[in-house]
N, C-alpha and C. Protein backbone atom coordinates (compact mmCIF):
# COMPACT_ATOMS: atom_id res chain seq x y z
N MET A 1 0.46 89.60 -116.71
CA MET A 1 1.09 90.08 -115.72
C MET A 1 2.47 89.40 -115.57
N LYS A 2 3.68 89.94 -115.18
CA LYS A 2 4.69 89.38 -115.04
C LYS A 2 4.95 88.86 -113.44
N VAL A 3 5.11 87.55 -113.31
CA VAL A 3 5.09 86.78 -111.78
C VAL A 3 6.38 86.17 -111.50
N VAL A 4 6.70 86.35 -110.18
CA VAL A 4 7.76 85.63 -109.86
C VAL A 4 7.14 84.53 -108.71
N PHE A 5 7.25 83.20 -109.02
CA PHE A 5 6.25 82.38 -108.27
C PHE A 5 7.18 81.52 -107.26
N PHE A 6 6.60 81.74 -105.94
CA PHE A 6 7.39 80.85 -104.90
C PHE A 6 6.50 79.72 -104.39
N GLY A 7 7.33 78.49 -104.51
CA GLY A 7 6.57 77.29 -103.91
C GLY A 7 7.61 76.26 -104.25
N SER A 8 7.19 74.85 -103.48
CA SER A 8 7.96 73.86 -103.72
C SER A 8 7.18 72.69 -103.55
N PRO A 9 6.17 72.33 -102.85
CA PRO A 9 5.42 71.24 -102.86
C PRO A 9 4.41 71.01 -104.02
N ALA A 10 3.99 69.71 -103.92
CA ALA A 10 3.03 69.50 -105.16
C ALA A 10 1.77 70.22 -104.93
N SER A 11 1.27 70.63 -103.74
CA SER A 11 0.24 71.59 -103.35
C SER A 11 0.24 72.75 -104.22
N ALA A 12 1.40 73.17 -104.38
CA ALA A 12 1.67 74.54 -105.34
C ALA A 12 1.48 74.20 -106.76
N LEU A 13 1.53 73.22 -107.17
CA LEU A 13 1.41 73.07 -108.70
C LEU A 13 -0.06 73.46 -109.42
N PRO A 14 -0.91 73.43 -108.71
CA PRO A 14 -2.19 73.90 -109.52
C PRO A 14 -2.11 75.35 -109.62
N SER A 15 -1.71 75.94 -108.48
CA SER A 15 -1.70 77.40 -108.67
C SER A 15 -0.61 77.96 -110.00
N LEU A 16 0.50 77.28 -109.93
CA LEU A 16 1.45 77.85 -110.90
C LEU A 16 0.93 77.31 -112.35
N ASN A 17 0.33 76.17 -112.42
CA ASN A 17 -0.29 75.86 -113.80
C ASN A 17 -1.47 76.95 -114.07
N ALA A 18 -2.14 77.22 -113.24
CA ALA A 18 -3.21 78.36 -113.32
C ALA A 18 -2.79 79.57 -114.01
N LEU A 19 -1.79 79.87 -113.41
CA LEU A 19 -0.77 81.16 -113.79
C LEU A 19 -0.62 81.00 -115.22
N LEU A 20 0.21 80.03 -115.47
CA LEU A 20 0.52 79.80 -116.99
C LEU A 20 -0.77 79.65 -118.05
N LYS A 21 -1.64 78.90 -117.57
CA LYS A 21 -2.83 78.77 -118.34
C LYS A 21 -3.42 80.17 -118.56
N ALA A 22 -3.62 80.99 -117.72
CA ALA A 22 -4.27 82.30 -117.62
C ALA A 22 -3.35 83.20 -118.57
N GLY A 23 -2.16 82.83 -119.03
CA GLY A 23 -1.41 83.75 -119.83
C GLY A 23 -0.51 84.57 -119.23
N HIS A 24 -0.41 84.36 -117.93
CA HIS A 24 0.55 85.17 -117.11
C HIS A 24 2.07 84.81 -117.45
N GLU A 25 2.91 85.82 -117.38
CA GLU A 25 4.54 85.48 -117.76
C GLU A 25 5.19 85.15 -116.40
N VAL A 26 5.33 83.88 -116.15
CA VAL A 26 6.17 83.35 -115.01
C VAL A 26 7.52 83.66 -115.32
N ARG A 27 8.00 84.62 -114.82
CA ARG A 27 9.69 85.09 -115.21
C ARG A 27 10.50 84.25 -114.19
N LEU A 28 10.05 83.76 -113.09
CA LEU A 28 10.91 83.10 -112.16
C LEU A 28 10.11 82.44 -111.19
N VAL A 29 10.92 81.17 -110.90
CA VAL A 29 10.28 80.23 -109.91
C VAL A 29 11.24 80.13 -108.79
N VAL A 30 11.00 80.34 -107.70
CA VAL A 30 11.71 80.40 -106.56
C VAL A 30 11.32 79.16 -105.66
N THR A 31 12.10 77.94 -105.55
CA THR A 31 11.72 77.02 -104.79
C THR A 31 12.90 76.47 -104.00
N GLN A 32 12.50 75.43 -103.05
CA GLN A 32 13.50 74.95 -102.23
C GLN A 32 14.64 74.11 -102.86
N PRO A 33 15.78 74.20 -102.31
CA PRO A 33 16.87 73.27 -102.92
C PRO A 33 16.41 71.60 -102.87
N ASP A 34 17.21 71.09 -103.71
CA ASP A 34 16.86 69.48 -103.93
C ASP A 34 17.32 68.92 -102.42
N LYS A 35 16.74 67.83 -102.14
CA LYS A 35 16.95 67.26 -100.94
C LYS A 35 17.33 65.80 -101.01
N PRO A 36 17.95 65.26 -100.03
CA PRO A 36 18.23 63.73 -100.06
C PRO A 36 17.06 63.06 -99.65
N ALA A 37 16.61 62.10 -100.52
CA ALA A 37 15.36 61.23 -100.06
C ALA A 37 15.72 59.93 -100.23
N GLY A 38 14.82 58.92 -99.80
CA GLY A 38 15.06 57.62 -99.88
C GLY A 38 16.10 56.99 -99.28
N ARG A 39 16.35 55.54 -99.25
CA ARG A 39 17.42 54.78 -98.50
C ARG A 39 18.98 55.11 -99.13
N GLY A 40 19.02 55.44 -100.54
CA GLY A 40 20.12 55.97 -100.87
C GLY A 40 20.45 57.53 -100.70
N LYS A 41 19.49 58.35 -100.15
CA LYS A 41 19.77 59.57 -100.03
C LYS A 41 20.02 60.47 -101.15
N LYS A 42 19.40 59.96 -102.27
CA LYS A 42 19.57 60.57 -103.53
C LYS A 42 18.83 61.96 -103.53
N LEU A 43 19.44 63.04 -104.06
CA LEU A 43 19.10 64.29 -104.20
C LEU A 43 17.73 64.33 -105.06
N THR A 44 16.84 64.89 -104.53
CA THR A 44 15.42 64.87 -105.17
C THR A 44 14.84 66.11 -105.17
N PRO A 45 14.45 66.59 -106.36
CA PRO A 45 13.94 68.10 -106.60
C PRO A 45 12.66 68.06 -105.98
N PRO A 46 12.25 69.27 -105.69
CA PRO A 46 10.92 69.61 -105.33
C PRO A 46 9.93 69.36 -106.53
N PRO A 47 8.71 69.02 -106.41
CA PRO A 47 7.70 68.89 -107.51
C PRO A 47 7.67 70.24 -108.49
N VAL A 48 7.66 71.42 -107.75
CA VAL A 48 7.66 72.72 -108.46
C VAL A 48 8.75 72.77 -109.30
N LYS A 49 9.92 72.39 -108.93
CA LYS A 49 11.28 72.48 -109.75
C LYS A 49 11.00 71.65 -111.16
N ILE A 50 10.46 70.44 -110.77
CA ILE A 50 10.35 69.52 -111.98
C ILE A 50 9.20 70.09 -112.98
N PHE A 51 8.24 70.55 -112.40
CA PHE A 51 7.21 71.22 -113.24
C PHE A 51 7.81 72.43 -114.15
N ALA A 52 8.48 73.26 -113.29
CA ALA A 52 9.10 74.46 -114.07
C ALA A 52 10.06 73.99 -115.05
N LEU A 53 10.98 73.06 -114.85
CA LEU A 53 11.94 72.51 -115.96
C LEU A 53 11.14 71.90 -117.11
N ASP A 54 10.06 71.43 -116.85
CA ASP A 54 9.30 70.68 -117.91
C ASP A 54 8.43 71.86 -118.77
N HIS A 55 8.50 72.96 -118.19
CA HIS A 55 7.52 74.07 -118.74
C HIS A 55 8.79 75.26 -119.16
N GLY A 56 9.86 74.89 -119.00
CA GLY A 56 10.93 76.05 -119.59
C GLY A 56 11.13 77.10 -118.89
N LEU A 57 10.90 77.17 -117.40
CA LEU A 57 10.75 78.34 -116.64
C LEU A 57 12.01 78.46 -115.84
N GLU A 58 12.64 79.64 -115.71
CA GLU A 58 13.72 79.83 -114.86
C GLU A 58 13.58 79.65 -113.41
N ILE A 59 14.51 78.80 -112.81
CA ILE A 59 14.35 78.48 -111.50
C ILE A 59 15.63 79.04 -110.65
N ILE A 60 15.28 79.33 -109.47
CA ILE A 60 16.40 79.54 -108.42
C ILE A 60 15.98 78.72 -107.22
N GLN A 61 17.05 78.21 -106.27
CA GLN A 61 16.92 77.51 -105.24
C GLN A 61 17.66 77.96 -104.16
N PRO A 62 17.29 79.14 -103.49
CA PRO A 62 18.32 79.42 -102.37
C PRO A 62 18.00 78.78 -101.16
N GLU A 63 19.11 78.54 -100.35
CA GLU A 63 18.97 78.07 -99.16
C GLU A 63 18.15 78.87 -98.16
N LYS A 64 18.53 80.10 -97.96
CA LYS A 64 17.76 81.12 -97.13
C LYS A 64 17.58 82.29 -97.99
N ILE A 65 16.28 82.55 -98.51
CA ILE A 65 15.90 83.46 -99.35
C ILE A 65 16.30 84.92 -98.66
N ARG A 66 16.12 85.20 -97.62
CA ARG A 66 16.18 86.62 -96.82
C ARG A 66 17.78 86.81 -96.79
N LYS A 67 18.46 85.98 -96.91
CA LYS A 67 19.99 86.14 -96.65
C LYS A 67 20.65 85.97 -97.83
N ASP A 68 20.30 85.67 -98.89
CA ASP A 68 20.90 85.43 -100.24
C ASP A 68 20.59 86.51 -101.24
N GLU A 69 21.64 87.56 -100.99
CA GLU A 69 21.64 88.73 -101.67
C GLU A 69 21.45 88.45 -103.43
N GLN A 70 22.30 87.32 -103.79
CA GLN A 70 22.03 87.07 -105.18
C GLN A 70 20.71 86.59 -105.58
N ALA A 71 19.96 85.85 -104.59
CA ALA A 71 18.66 85.65 -105.14
C ALA A 71 17.70 86.78 -105.01
N LEU A 72 17.83 87.55 -103.92
CA LEU A 72 17.10 88.99 -104.00
C LEU A 72 17.19 89.69 -105.16
N GLU A 73 18.37 89.83 -105.76
CA GLU A 73 18.84 90.77 -106.90
C GLU A 73 18.12 89.89 -108.06
N ARG A 74 18.13 88.66 -108.18
CA ARG A 74 17.60 88.05 -109.31
C ARG A 74 16.05 88.29 -109.37
N ILE A 75 15.43 88.22 -108.09
CA ILE A 75 13.80 88.40 -108.12
C ILE A 75 13.69 90.00 -108.49
N LYS A 76 14.57 90.85 -108.20
CA LYS A 76 14.33 92.22 -108.59
C LYS A 76 14.60 92.35 -110.16
N LYS A 77 15.43 91.67 -110.52
CA LYS A 77 15.79 91.63 -111.94
C LYS A 77 14.45 91.20 -112.81
N ALA A 78 14.07 90.42 -112.42
CA ALA A 78 12.80 89.79 -113.16
C ALA A 78 11.85 90.97 -113.22
N GLU A 79 11.78 92.04 -112.44
CA GLU A 79 11.00 92.98 -112.59
C GLU A 79 9.28 92.52 -112.45
N PRO A 80 9.02 91.71 -111.46
CA PRO A 80 7.68 91.21 -111.46
C PRO A 80 6.43 92.34 -111.19
N ASP A 81 5.41 92.00 -111.55
CA ASP A 81 4.12 92.76 -111.20
C ASP A 81 3.80 92.39 -109.73
N VAL A 82 3.82 90.97 -109.62
CA VAL A 82 3.41 90.21 -108.33
C VAL A 82 4.68 89.28 -107.80
N THR A 83 4.82 89.36 -106.49
CA THR A 83 5.95 88.55 -106.02
C THR A 83 5.17 87.92 -104.57
N GLY A 84 6.11 87.13 -104.07
CA GLY A 84 5.60 86.48 -102.66
C GLY A 84 5.94 87.27 -101.60
N PRO A 85 5.95 86.89 -100.41
CA PRO A 85 6.04 88.10 -99.31
C PRO A 85 7.72 88.52 -99.15
N THR A 86 8.43 88.06 -99.91
CA THR A 86 9.88 88.59 -99.66
C THR A 86 10.26 89.33 -100.68
N GLY A 87 9.47 89.42 -101.77
CA GLY A 87 9.72 90.41 -102.92
C GLY A 87 9.38 91.75 -102.89
N ARG A 88 10.02 92.57 -101.85
CA ARG A 88 9.74 93.83 -101.44
C ARG A 88 9.93 94.81 -102.66
């Protein structure tokens, strides 16, 4: 199955990993933008982004998904069989 995965926190990692292990084709990962963290306010990527990069998955990080026409177009272009709630 072709999938667009939506998630950011570490709690989403088991689901993403299970999709990959089951042999599904994760065509795109949609995750929150990197955010400042710690004393130095260093930009820190969400756990799902790190996992996706480690597994060679394509990533987009829109600020506001419903208002980002480029992100919505990229999701459509992935031609997923399954998407999150914004993947009309």
